[in-house]
Amino acid sequence: MNQKTIVYNHIKEKGSITSKEAISLYNITRLAAIVGFLREDGIKIKTDLEGSRSLARYSFGISDPVQIQLTFREEVLEAYE
């Protein structure tokens, strides 16, 4: 599984991801770059800054699990059009 898929699936399942989580869970050290690639693929990802150290937290900006699934399906379908 490639890093884009890992990050996408993590956000889909957990709701968000930070660089600390990406490093500790998946040994992904360039999360911002991976998020950039996902955005280039048309995935809408929201960035929120946390704390005094400006830690970025990436999410789909959707809190409803059903809406996350619908958004995921729409993005997959659009990718194959």
C-alpha atoms as a PDB file:
ATOM      1  CA  MET A   1       0.000   0.000   0.000  1.00  0.00           C
ATOM      2  CA  ASN A   2       1.451   3.393  -0.939  1.00  0.00           C
ATOM      3  CA  GLN A   3       1.711   6.390   1.388  1.00  0.00           C
ATOM      4  CA  LYS A   4      -1.150   8.297  -0.265  1.00  0.00           C
ATOM      5  CA  THR A   5      -3.475   5.360   0.321  1.00  0.00           C
ATOM      6  CA  ILE A   6      -2.289   4.950   3.907  1.00  0.00           C
ATOM      7  CA  VAL A   7      -2.894   8.631   4.718  1.00  0.00           C
ATOM      8  CA  TYR A   8      -6.241   8.707   2.896  1.00  0.00           C
ATOM      9  CA  ASN A   9      -7.455   5.591   4.709  1.00  0.00           C
ATOM     10  CA  HIS A  10      -6.279   6.922   8.078  1.00  0.00           C
ATOM     11  CA  ILE A  11      -8.219  10.176   7.626  1.00  0.00           C
ATOM     12  CA  LYS A  12     -11.254   8.247   6.402  1.00  0.00           C
ATOM     13  CA  GLU A  13     -11.197   5.869   9.372  1.00  0.00           C
ATOM     14  CA  LYS A  14      -9.955   8.132  12.183  1.00  0.00           C
ATOM     15  CA  GLY A  15     -11.145  11.554  11.006  1.00  0.00           C
ATOM     16  CA  SER A  16      -7.773  13.309  10.872  1.00  0.00           C
ATOM     17  CA  ILE A  17      -3.997  12.898  11.001  1.00  0.00           C
ATOM     18  CA  THR A  18      -0.992  14.929  12.164  1.00  0.00           C
ATOM     19  CA  SER A  19       2.656  14.594  11.202  1.00  0.00           C
ATOM     20  CA  LYS A  20       3.377  13.111  14.656  1.00  0.00           C
ATOM     21  CA  GLU A  21       0.803  10.385  14.037  1.00  0.00           C
ATOM     22  CA  ALA A  22       2.051   9.756  10.503  1.00  0.00           C
ATOM     23  CA  ILE A  23       5.618   9.297  11.746  1.00  0.00           C
ATOM     24  CA  SER A  24       4.799   7.145  14.771  1.00  0.00           C
ATOM     25  CA  LEU A  25       2.189   4.935  13.105  1.00  0.00           C
ATOM     26  CA  TYR A  26       3.439   4.643   9.524  1.00  0.00           C
ATOM     27  CA  ASN A  27       6.975   6.055   9.422  1.00  0.00           C
ATOM     28  CA  ILE A  28       5.720   8.718   6.976  1.00  0.00           C
ATOM     29  CA  THR A  29       7.995  11.721   7.449  1.00  0.00           C
ATOM     30  CA  ARG A  30       6.668  14.055   4.723  1.00  0.00           C
ATOM     31  CA  LEU A  31       2.961  14.213   5.490  1.00  0.00           C
ATOM     32  CA  ALA A  32       2.518  17.695   3.984  1.00  0.00           C
ATOM     33  CA  ALA A  33       3.864  16.398   0.662  1.00  0.00           C
ATOM     34  CA  ILE A  34       1.527  13.393   0.732  1.00  0.00           C
ATOM     35  CA  VAL A  35      -1.418  15.687   1.482  1.00  0.00           C
ATOM     36  CA  GLY A  36      -0.322  17.851  -1.461  1.00  0.00           C
ATOM     37  CA  PHE A  37      -0.369  14.823  -3.761  1.00  0.00           C
ATOM     38  CA  LEU A  38      -3.848  13.880  -2.523  1.00  0.00           C
ATOM     39  CA  ARG A  39      -5.028  17.426  -3.222  1.00  0.00           C
ATOM     40  CA  GLU A  40      -3.557  17.212  -6.734  1.00  0.00           C
ATOM     41  CA  ASP A  41      -5.670  14.078  -7.170  1.00  0.00           C
ATOM     42  CA  GLY A  42      -8.754  16.148  -6.347  1.00  0.00           C
ATOM     43  CA  ILE A  43      -9.234  15.091  -2.730  1.00  0.00           C
ATOM     44  CA  LYS A  44     -10.494  17.969  -0.578  1.00  0.00           C
ATOM     45  CA  ILE A  45      -8.395  18.084   2.593  1.00  0.00           C
ATOM     46  CA  LYS A  46      -8.740  20.718   5.308  1.00  0.00           C
ATOM     47  CA  THR A  47      -5.755  21.939   7.354  1.00  0.00           C
ATOM     48  CA  ASP A  48      -6.154  23.108  10.958  1.00  0.00           C
ATOM     49  CA  LEU A  49      -3.228  24.409  13.015  1.00  0.00           C
ATOM     50  CA  GLU A  50      -3.022  23.276  16.630  1.00  0.00           C
ATOM     51  CA  GLY A  51      -1.120  24.573  19.624  1.00  0.00           C
ATOM     52  CA  SER A  52       1.691  27.051  19.925  1.00  0.00           C
ATOM     53  CA  ARG A  53       3.983  24.992  17.676  1.00  0.00           C
ATOM     54  CA  SER A  54       1.491  25.168  14.801  1.00  0.00           C
ATOM     55  CA  LEU A  55       1.079  21.433  14.373  1.00  0.00           C
ATOM     56  CA  ALA A  56      -1.015  20.796  11.271  1.00  0.00           C
ATOM     57  CA  ARG A  57      -3.978  18.445  11.518  1.00  0.00           C
ATOM     58  CA  TYR A  58      -5.380  17.262   8.201  1.00  0.00           C
ATOM     59  CA  SER A  59      -8.981  16.126   7.753  1.00  0.00           C
ATOM     60  CA  PHE A  60     -11.717  15.969   5.156  1.00  0.00           C
ATOM     61  CA  GLY A  61     -13.542  18.703   7.086  1.00  0.00           C
ATOM     62  CA  ILE A  62     -16.506  16.349   7.512  1.00  0.00           C
ATOM     63  CA  SER A  63     -17.500  14.952  10.898  1.00  0.00           C
ATOM     64  CA  ASP A  64     -20.374  12.684   9.850  1.00  0.00           C
ATOM     65  CA  PRO A  65     -19.127   9.139   9.018  1.00  0.00           C
ATOM     66  CA  VAL A  66     -21.925   8.638   6.474  1.00  0.00           C
ATOM     67  CA  GLN A  67     -20.944  11.843   4.678  1.00  0.00           C
ATOM     68  CA  ILE A  68     -17.296  10.712   4.652  1.00  0.00           C
ATOM     69  CA  GLN A  69     -18.343   7.480   2.906  1.00  0.00           C
ATOM     70  CA  LEU A  70     -20.469   9.377   0.386  1.00  0.00           C
ATOM     71  CA  THR A  71     -17.659  11.824  -0.333  1.00  0.00           C
ATOM     72  CA  PHE A  72     -15.202   8.954  -0.746  1.00  0.00           C
ATOM     73  CA  ARG A  73     -17.516   7.203  -3.220  1.00  0.00           C
ATOM     74  CA  GLU A  74     -18.053  10.413  -5.219  1.00  0.00           C
ATOM     75  CA  GLU A  75     -14.301  11.028  -5.435  1.00  0.00           C
ATOM     76  CA  VAL A  76     -13.635   7.474  -6.582  1.00  0.00           C
ATOM     77  CA  LEU A  77     -16.353   7.676  -9.212  1.00  0.00           C
ATOM     78  CA  GLU A  78     -15.068  11.055 -10.460  1.00  0.00           C
ATOM     79  CA  ALA A  79     -11.558   9.650 -10.738  1.00  0.00           C
ATOM     80  CA  TYR A  80     -12.799   7.018 -13.198  1.00  0.00           C
ATOM     81  CA  GLU A  81     -14.916   9.333 -15.365  1.00  0.00           C
END
